[in-house]
């Protein structure tokens, strides 16, 4: 039940955190940058542990990023492959697919761990990366990493 039994028209104090993430997926797939940006708190914090310099604060950067993505990959679609919720934290496994304007395929996969406030995302730990299309097996990839 949403709302409040005593006041049936009242909005629930906190939206289910997975509902916020589902709104985000819908906004991405609809290419609705306003709805997408509204999924993030004004003081949203993005933490990108594998690329620390890419971390940022604020939903203005979210808006700029997604405008660029929609321009570069006009048919981009996202889906969540798996998710788990604990309190206000939502673990998600993502896939983004589409084609760049020049025709090259776009495929990203990875995990994003969201913290959701009352009705918006307040923080994300971002581990989404382009899929490596090389034919390196595990041994070759490890050798490459260790030879750096």
N, C-alpha and C. Protein backbone atom coordinates (compact mmCIF):
# COMPACT_ATOMS: atom_id res chain seq x y z
N UNK A 1 0.83 -1.17 0.00
CA UNK A 1 0.00 0.00 0.00
C UNK A 1 0.88 1.24 0.00
N UNK A 2 0.54 2.20 -0.84
CA UNK A 2 1.25 3.47 -0.80
C UNK A 2 0.43 4.45 0.00
N UNK A 3 1.06 5.47 0.45
CA UNK A 3 0.35 6.49 1.20
C UNK A 3 0.20 6.12 2.66
N UNK A 4 -0.80 6.69 3.28
CA UNK A 4 -1.00 6.59 4.71
C UNK A 4 -2.45 6.21 4.95
N UNK A 5 -2.72 5.18 5.78
CA UNK A 5 -4.09 4.72 5.99
C UNK A 5 -4.96 5.81 6.61
N UNK A 6 -4.39 6.62 7.49
CA UNK A 6 -5.16 7.67 8.12
C UNK A 6 -5.46 8.78 7.11
N UNK A 7 -4.52 9.04 6.22
CA UNK A 7 -4.66 10.06 5.18
C UNK A 7 -4.40 9.39 3.83
N UNK A 8 -5.43 8.78 3.23
CA UNK A 8 -5.24 7.94 2.04
C UNK A 8 -4.52 8.63 0.88
N UNK A 9 -4.64 9.94 0.75
CA UNK A 9 -3.99 10.63 -0.36
C UNK A 9 -2.54 10.98 -0.10
N UNK A 10 -2.07 10.77 1.12
CA UNK A 10 -0.70 11.16 1.48
C UNK A 10 0.31 10.23 0.81
N UNK A 11 1.41 10.81 0.37
CA UNK A 11 2.48 10.03 -0.23
C UNK A 11 3.27 9.32 0.87
N UNK A 12 3.71 8.11 0.58
CA UNK A 12 4.56 7.38 1.54
C UNK A 12 5.79 8.23 1.84
N UNK A 13 6.28 8.15 3.07
CA UNK A 13 7.43 8.96 3.46
C UNK A 13 8.67 8.60 2.67
N UNK A 14 8.86 7.32 2.37
CA UNK A 14 10.02 6.90 1.60
C UNK A 14 9.58 5.95 0.51
N UNK A 15 10.02 6.25 -0.70
CA UNK A 15 9.76 5.38 -1.82
C UNK A 15 10.66 4.15 -1.69
N UNK A 16 10.15 2.99 -2.09
CA UNK A 16 10.97 1.78 -2.12
C UNK A 16 12.21 2.08 -2.95
N UNK A 17 13.41 1.81 -2.43
CA UNK A 17 14.63 2.18 -3.17
C UNK A 17 14.71 1.55 -4.56
N UNK A 18 14.20 0.33 -4.73
CA UNK A 18 14.25 -0.29 -6.05
C UNK A 18 13.33 0.43 -7.04
N UNK A 19 12.25 1.04 -6.55
CA UNK A 19 11.37 1.82 -7.43
C UNK A 19 12.11 3.02 -8.02
N UNK A 20 12.97 3.64 -7.22
CA UNK A 20 13.76 4.77 -7.73
C UNK A 20 14.67 4.28 -8.86
N UNK A 21 15.29 3.13 -8.68
CA UNK A 21 16.17 2.57 -9.71
C UNK A 21 15.36 2.19 -10.95
N UNK A 22 14.17 1.66 -10.76
CA UNK A 22 13.31 1.34 -11.91
C UNK A 22 12.92 2.60 -12.67
N UNK A 23 12.68 3.70 -11.95
CA UNK A 23 12.41 4.99 -12.62
C UNK A 23 13.61 5.41 -13.44
N UNK A 24 14.81 5.19 -12.90
CA UNK A 24 16.03 5.53 -13.62
C UNK A 24 16.14 4.73 -14.92
N UNK A 25 15.90 3.43 -14.86
CA UNK A 25 15.97 2.60 -16.06
C UNK A 25 14.96 3.08 -17.10
N UNK A 26 13.75 3.37 -16.67
CA UNK A 26 12.72 3.87 -17.60
C UNK A 26 13.14 5.18 -18.24
N UNK A 27 13.69 6.09 -17.44
CA UNK A 27 14.13 7.39 -17.97
C UNK A 27 15.26 7.22 -18.98
N UNK A 28 16.18 6.30 -18.70
CA UNK A 28 17.26 6.03 -19.66
C UNK A 28 16.67 5.51 -20.96
N UNK A 29 15.81 4.51 -20.87
CA UNK A 29 15.26 3.89 -22.07
C UNK A 29 14.33 4.81 -22.84
N UNK A 30 13.73 5.79 -22.15
CA UNK A 30 12.89 6.80 -22.81
C UNK A 30 13.72 7.98 -23.29
N UNK A 31 14.99 7.99 -22.97
CA UNK A 31 15.90 9.11 -23.30
C UNK A 31 15.35 10.42 -22.76
N UNK A 32 14.82 10.39 -21.55
CA UNK A 32 14.22 11.55 -20.89
C UNK A 32 15.22 12.08 -19.86
N UNK A 33 16.04 13.04 -20.28
CA UNK A 33 17.11 13.53 -19.42
C UNK A 33 16.56 14.24 -18.18
N UNK A 34 15.39 14.87 -18.27
CA UNK A 34 14.82 15.53 -17.10
C UNK A 34 14.38 14.50 -16.07
N UNK A 35 13.67 13.47 -16.49
CA UNK A 35 13.23 12.42 -15.57
C UNK A 35 14.43 11.68 -15.00
N UNK A 36 15.43 11.48 -15.82
CA UNK A 36 16.66 10.80 -15.38
C UNK A 36 17.36 11.63 -14.30
N UNK A 37 17.54 12.90 -14.55
CA UNK A 37 18.22 13.76 -13.58
C UNK A 37 17.43 13.84 -12.27
N UNK A 38 16.11 13.80 -12.36
CA UNK A 38 15.26 13.86 -11.17
C UNK A 38 15.42 12.63 -10.28
N UNK A 39 16.00 11.57 -10.80
CA UNK A 39 16.26 10.37 -9.99
C UNK A 39 17.43 10.57 -9.03
N UNK A 40 18.18 11.66 -9.20
CA UNK A 40 19.38 11.92 -8.41
C UNK A 40 19.20 13.16 -7.54
N UNK A 41 19.64 13.09 -6.30
CA UNK A 41 19.62 14.24 -5.41
C UNK A 41 20.54 15.33 -5.95
N UNK A 42 20.23 16.57 -5.60
CA UNK A 42 21.06 17.69 -6.04
C UNK A 42 22.52 17.51 -5.64
N UNK A 43 22.75 16.95 -4.45
CA UNK A 43 24.11 16.76 -3.93
C UNK A 43 24.59 15.31 -4.09
N UNK A 44 24.04 14.63 -5.08
CA UNK A 44 24.43 13.26 -5.40
C UNK A 44 25.95 13.13 -5.48
N UNK A 45 26.49 12.01 -4.98
CA UNK A 45 27.93 11.73 -5.02
C UNK A 45 28.16 10.47 -5.85
N UNK A 46 28.95 10.60 -6.90
CA UNK A 46 29.35 9.46 -7.73
C UNK A 46 30.78 9.11 -7.38
N UNK A 47 30.99 7.86 -6.97
CA UNK A 47 32.32 7.37 -6.63
C UNK A 47 32.68 6.30 -7.66
N UNK A 48 33.81 6.49 -8.32
CA UNK A 48 34.26 5.56 -9.35
C UNK A 48 35.60 4.99 -8.90
N UNK A 49 35.57 3.92 -8.07
CA UNK A 49 36.80 3.42 -7.46
C UNK A 49 37.90 3.03 -8.44
N UNK A 50 37.57 2.48 -9.58
CA UNK A 50 38.59 2.05 -10.53
C UNK A 50 39.18 3.23 -11.31
N UNK A 51 38.49 4.35 -11.30
CA UNK A 51 38.93 5.56 -12.01
C UNK A 51 38.62 6.77 -11.12
N UNK A 52 39.35 6.96 -10.04
CA UNK A 52 39.01 7.98 -9.03
C UNK A 52 38.83 9.39 -9.59
N UNK A 53 39.58 9.75 -10.60
CA UNK A 53 39.46 11.11 -11.15
C UNK A 53 38.10 11.35 -11.81
N UNK A 54 37.38 10.29 -12.12
CA UNK A 54 36.06 10.41 -12.75
C UNK A 54 34.94 10.62 -11.73
N UNK A 55 35.22 10.51 -10.46
CA UNK A 55 34.21 10.72 -9.42
C UNK A 55 33.77 12.18 -9.44
N UNK A 56 32.52 12.44 -9.00
CA UNK A 56 32.01 13.81 -9.01
C UNK A 56 30.86 13.94 -8.02
N UNK A 57 30.45 15.18 -7.79
CA UNK A 57 29.32 15.49 -6.93
C UNK A 57 28.35 16.38 -7.70
N UNK A 58 27.05 16.08 -7.56
CA UNK A 58 26.01 16.93 -8.15
C UNK A 58 25.29 16.29 -9.31
N UNK A 59 23.97 16.51 -9.37
CA UNK A 59 23.21 15.93 -10.48
C UNK A 59 23.35 16.73 -11.77
N UNK A 60 23.96 17.92 -11.73
CA UNK A 60 24.23 18.65 -12.97
C UNK A 60 25.18 17.86 -13.86
N UNK A 61 26.17 17.20 -13.24
CA UNK A 61 27.10 16.38 -14.03
C UNK A 61 26.39 15.15 -14.58
N UNK A 62 25.44 14.60 -13.83
CA UNK A 62 24.62 13.48 -14.34
C UNK A 62 23.92 13.93 -15.62
N UNK A 63 23.29 15.11 -15.58
CA UNK A 63 22.58 15.64 -16.75
C UNK A 63 23.54 15.80 -17.93
N UNK A 64 24.69 16.39 -17.71
CA UNK A 64 25.66 16.59 -18.80
C UNK A 64 26.12 15.24 -19.38
N UNK A 65 26.42 14.29 -18.48
CA UNK A 65 26.88 12.97 -18.94
C UNK A 65 25.83 12.32 -19.84
N UNK A 66 24.57 12.29 -19.37
CA UNK A 66 23.54 11.59 -20.13
C UNK A 66 23.16 12.32 -21.41
N UNK A 67 23.24 13.63 -21.44
CA UNK A 67 23.02 14.33 -22.71
C UNK A 67 24.07 13.88 -23.72
N UNK A 68 25.32 13.79 -23.28
CA UNK A 68 26.40 13.34 -24.16
C UNK A 68 26.18 11.90 -24.62
N UNK A 69 25.76 11.04 -23.69
CA UNK A 69 25.50 9.63 -24.04
C UNK A 69 24.38 9.54 -25.06
N UNK A 70 23.27 10.24 -24.83
CA UNK A 70 22.13 10.18 -25.77
C UNK A 70 22.52 10.74 -27.13
N UNK A 71 23.38 11.76 -27.17
CA UNK A 71 23.83 12.30 -28.46
C UNK A 71 24.74 11.31 -29.18
N UNK A 72 25.63 10.65 -28.45
CA UNK A 72 26.61 9.75 -29.07
C UNK A 72 26.03 8.38 -29.41
N UNK A 73 25.07 7.92 -28.61
CA UNK A 73 24.49 6.58 -28.78
C UNK A 73 22.97 6.76 -28.82
N UNK A 74 22.42 7.15 -29.96
CA UNK A 74 21.01 7.57 -30.02
C UNK A 74 20.00 6.47 -29.71
N UNK A 75 20.41 5.22 -29.75
CA UNK A 75 19.47 4.13 -29.46
C UNK A 75 19.83 3.38 -28.17
N UNK A 76 20.62 4.00 -27.30
CA UNK A 76 21.07 3.32 -26.09
C UNK A 76 19.87 2.84 -25.27
N UNK A 77 19.99 1.63 -24.77
CA UNK A 77 18.99 1.03 -23.89
C UNK A 77 19.72 0.39 -22.72
N UNK A 78 19.09 0.42 -21.55
CA UNK A 78 19.71 -0.14 -20.35
C UNK A 78 18.77 -1.17 -19.75
N UNK A 79 19.37 -2.13 -19.10
CA UNK A 79 18.57 -3.08 -18.33
C UNK A 79 19.37 -3.55 -17.13
N UNK A 80 18.64 -3.89 -16.11
CA UNK A 80 19.25 -4.44 -14.91
C UNK A 80 19.14 -5.95 -14.99
N UNK A 81 20.28 -6.63 -14.92
CA UNK A 81 20.31 -8.08 -15.02
C UNK A 81 20.01 -8.74 -13.68
N UNK A 82 20.50 -8.13 -12.60
CA UNK A 82 20.28 -8.65 -11.24
C UNK A 82 20.30 -7.47 -10.28
N UNK A 83 19.60 -7.66 -9.15
CA UNK A 83 19.63 -6.61 -8.12
C UNK A 83 19.41 -7.24 -6.76
N UNK A 84 19.87 -6.53 -5.75
CA UNK A 84 19.65 -6.92 -4.36
C UNK A 84 19.51 -5.63 -3.55
N UNK A 85 18.59 -5.67 -2.59
CA UNK A 85 18.32 -4.49 -1.78
C UNK A 85 18.54 -4.82 -0.31
N UNK A 86 19.26 -3.95 0.37
CA UNK A 86 19.41 -4.03 1.82
C UNK A 86 19.24 -2.62 2.36
N UNK A 87 18.17 -2.42 3.10
CA UNK A 87 17.83 -1.11 3.62
C UNK A 87 17.71 -0.12 2.46
N UNK A 88 18.55 0.89 2.41
CA UNK A 88 18.48 1.92 1.36
C UNK A 88 19.55 1.72 0.30
N UNK A 89 20.25 0.58 0.34
CA UNK A 89 21.32 0.29 -0.62
C UNK A 89 20.81 -0.73 -1.64
N UNK A 90 21.02 -0.41 -2.92
CA UNK A 90 20.58 -1.28 -4.01
C UNK A 90 21.80 -1.65 -4.85
N UNK A 91 22.11 -2.95 -4.87
CA UNK A 91 23.18 -3.48 -5.72
C UNK A 91 22.55 -3.86 -7.05
N UNK A 92 23.14 -3.39 -8.15
CA UNK A 92 22.57 -3.65 -9.47
C UNK A 92 23.66 -4.08 -10.44
N UNK A 93 23.32 -5.04 -11.28
CA UNK A 93 24.18 -5.42 -12.40
C UNK A 93 23.52 -4.91 -13.66
N UNK A 94 24.25 -4.11 -14.44
CA UNK A 94 23.70 -3.40 -15.60
C UNK A 94 24.24 -3.92 -16.91
N UNK A 95 23.45 -3.67 -17.95
CA UNK A 95 23.92 -3.80 -19.33
C UNK A 95 23.37 -2.61 -20.10
N UNK A 96 24.26 -1.92 -20.81
CA UNK A 96 23.87 -0.83 -21.72
C UNK A 96 24.23 -1.28 -23.13
N UNK A 97 23.27 -1.16 -24.04
CA UNK A 97 23.50 -1.55 -25.44
C UNK A 97 23.02 -0.45 -26.37
N UNK A 98 23.63 -0.42 -27.54
CA UNK A 98 23.20 0.50 -28.57
C UNK A 98 24.25 0.55 -29.65
N UNK A 99 24.13 1.56 -30.49
CA UNK A 99 25.12 1.78 -31.54
C UNK A 99 25.46 3.26 -31.57
N UNK A 100 26.74 3.53 -31.70
CA UNK A 100 27.19 4.91 -31.86
C UNK A 100 26.61 5.47 -33.15
N UNK A 101 26.53 6.77 -33.23
CA UNK A 101 25.99 7.42 -34.42
C UNK A 101 26.68 6.99 -35.70
N UNK A 102 27.95 6.63 -35.63
CA UNK A 102 28.71 6.18 -36.80
C UNK A 102 28.55 4.67 -37.04
N UNK A 103 27.73 3.99 -36.22
CA UNK A 103 27.42 2.59 -36.45
C UNK A 103 28.16 1.58 -35.58
N UNK A 104 29.22 1.98 -34.91
CA UNK A 104 29.96 1.02 -34.08
C UNK A 104 29.10 0.59 -32.89
N UNK A 105 29.14 -0.69 -32.54
CA UNK A 105 28.33 -1.15 -31.42
C UNK A 105 28.82 -0.60 -30.08
N UNK A 106 27.89 -0.41 -29.18
CA UNK A 106 28.18 0.04 -27.82
C UNK A 106 27.66 -1.03 -26.87
N UNK A 107 28.52 -1.52 -25.99
CA UNK A 107 28.11 -2.51 -25.00
C UNK A 107 28.92 -2.27 -23.73
N UNK A 108 28.20 -1.98 -22.65
CA UNK A 108 28.83 -1.81 -21.34
C UNK A 108 28.10 -2.71 -20.36
N UNK A 109 28.88 -3.26 -19.43
CA UNK A 109 28.31 -4.09 -18.37
C UNK A 109 29.05 -3.80 -17.08
N UNK A 110 28.37 -4.02 -15.98
CA UNK A 110 29.03 -3.86 -14.70
C UNK A 110 28.05 -3.65 -13.58
N UNK A 111 28.58 -3.28 -12.45
CA UNK A 111 27.81 -3.15 -11.21
C UNK A 111 27.77 -1.68 -10.80
N UNK A 112 26.61 -1.25 -10.33
CA UNK A 112 26.47 0.05 -9.69
C UNK A 112 25.76 -0.20 -8.36
N UNK A 113 26.36 0.31 -7.30
CA UNK A 113 25.80 0.18 -5.95
C UNK A 113 25.24 1.54 -5.56
N UNK A 114 23.93 1.62 -5.46
CA UNK A 114 23.25 2.88 -5.18
C UNK A 114 22.86 2.98 -3.71
N UNK A 115 22.94 4.19 -3.18
CA UNK A 115 22.30 4.52 -1.92
C UNK A 115 21.16 5.46 -2.27
N UNK A 116 19.97 5.14 -1.78
CA UNK A 116 18.77 5.90 -2.14
C UNK A 116 18.24 6.60 -0.90
N UNK A 117 17.99 7.89 -1.04
CA UNK A 117 17.39 8.67 0.04
C UNK A 117 15.88 8.51 0.02
N UNK A 118 15.17 9.53 0.42
CA UNK A 118 13.71 9.47 0.49
C UNK A 118 13.10 9.15 -0.86
N UNK A 119 13.54 9.83 -1.92
CA UNK A 119 12.95 9.60 -3.24
C UNK A 119 13.96 9.80 -4.37
N UNK A 120 15.25 9.84 -4.03
CA UNK A 120 16.27 10.06 -5.06
C UNK A 120 17.57 9.37 -4.64
N UNK A 121 18.39 9.11 -5.63
CA UNK A 121 19.70 8.49 -5.41
C UNK A 121 20.64 9.53 -4.81
N UNK A 122 21.28 9.18 -3.71
CA UNK A 122 22.20 10.10 -3.05
C UNK A 122 23.66 9.76 -3.33
N UNK A 123 23.94 8.51 -3.66
CA UNK A 123 25.31 8.08 -3.90
C UNK A 123 25.31 6.85 -4.79
N UNK A 124 26.36 6.73 -5.59
CA UNK A 124 26.57 5.51 -6.37
C UNK A 124 28.05 5.19 -6.40
N UNK A 125 28.33 3.91 -6.25
CA UNK A 125 29.68 3.38 -6.48
C UNK A 125 29.59 2.70 -7.84
N UNK A 126 30.34 3.22 -8.78
CA UNK A 126 30.14 2.95 -10.20
C UNK A 126 31.25 2.06 -10.74
N UNK A 127 30.86 0.88 -11.24
CA UNK A 127 31.82 -0.09 -11.78
C UNK A 127 31.40 -0.55 -13.18
N UNK A 128 30.81 0.31 -13.96
CA UNK A 128 30.34 -0.01 -15.30
C UNK A 128 31.46 0.28 -16.30
N UNK A 129 31.76 -0.69 -17.16
CA UNK A 129 32.88 -0.58 -18.10
C UNK A 129 32.48 -1.09 -19.48
N UNK A 130 33.14 -0.59 -20.53
CA UNK A 130 32.94 -1.18 -21.86
C UNK A 130 33.35 -2.66 -21.83
N UNK A 131 32.59 -3.47 -22.53
CA UNK A 131 32.91 -4.90 -22.62
C UNK A 131 34.13 -5.07 -23.51
N UNK A 132 35.11 -5.82 -23.01
CA UNK A 132 36.33 -6.11 -23.75
C UNK A 132 35.99 -7.15 -24.82
N UNK A 133 36.11 -6.76 -26.07
CA UNK A 133 35.78 -7.66 -27.18
C UNK A 133 36.99 -8.44 -27.69
N UNK A 134 38.12 -8.34 -26.99
CA UNK A 134 39.30 -9.07 -27.43
C UNK A 134 39.12 -10.57 -27.21
N UNK A 135 40.03 -11.34 -27.78
CA UNK A 135 39.94 -12.79 -27.62
C UNK A 135 40.92 -13.29 -26.56
N UNK A 136 41.43 -12.39 -25.69
CA UNK A 136 42.35 -12.80 -24.63
C UNK A 136 41.64 -13.68 -23.62
N UNK A 137 42.22 -14.85 -23.35
CA UNK A 137 41.67 -15.70 -22.29
C UNK A 137 42.17 -15.20 -20.94
N UNK A 138 41.79 -15.86 -19.86
CA UNK A 138 42.15 -15.41 -18.52
C UNK A 138 43.65 -15.33 -18.33
N UNK A 139 44.39 -16.32 -18.83
CA UNK A 139 45.85 -16.33 -18.67
C UNK A 139 46.49 -15.16 -19.41
N UNK A 140 46.08 -14.94 -20.64
CA UNK A 140 46.65 -13.84 -21.43
C UNK A 140 46.31 -12.49 -20.81
N UNK A 141 45.09 -12.34 -20.33
CA UNK A 141 44.70 -11.07 -19.70
C UNK A 141 45.49 -10.82 -18.43
N UNK A 142 45.69 -11.85 -17.61
CA UNK A 142 46.47 -11.69 -16.39
C UNK A 142 47.92 -11.36 -16.71
N UNK A 143 48.49 -12.03 -17.71
CA UNK A 143 49.86 -11.75 -18.12
C UNK A 143 49.98 -10.30 -18.55
N UNK A 144 49.03 -9.82 -19.32
CA UNK A 144 49.04 -8.43 -19.78
C UNK A 144 49.00 -7.46 -18.58
N UNK A 145 48.14 -7.74 -17.61
CA UNK A 145 48.03 -6.88 -16.44
C UNK A 145 49.31 -6.88 -15.60
N UNK A 146 49.94 -8.04 -15.47
CA UNK A 146 51.14 -8.14 -14.64
C UNK A 146 52.38 -7.61 -15.31
N UNK A 147 52.38 -7.51 -16.64
CA UNK A 147 53.54 -7.03 -17.38
C UNK A 147 53.59 -5.51 -17.50
N UNK A 148 52.64 -4.83 -16.93
CA UNK A 148 52.60 -3.36 -17.07
C UNK A 148 53.79 -2.71 -16.44
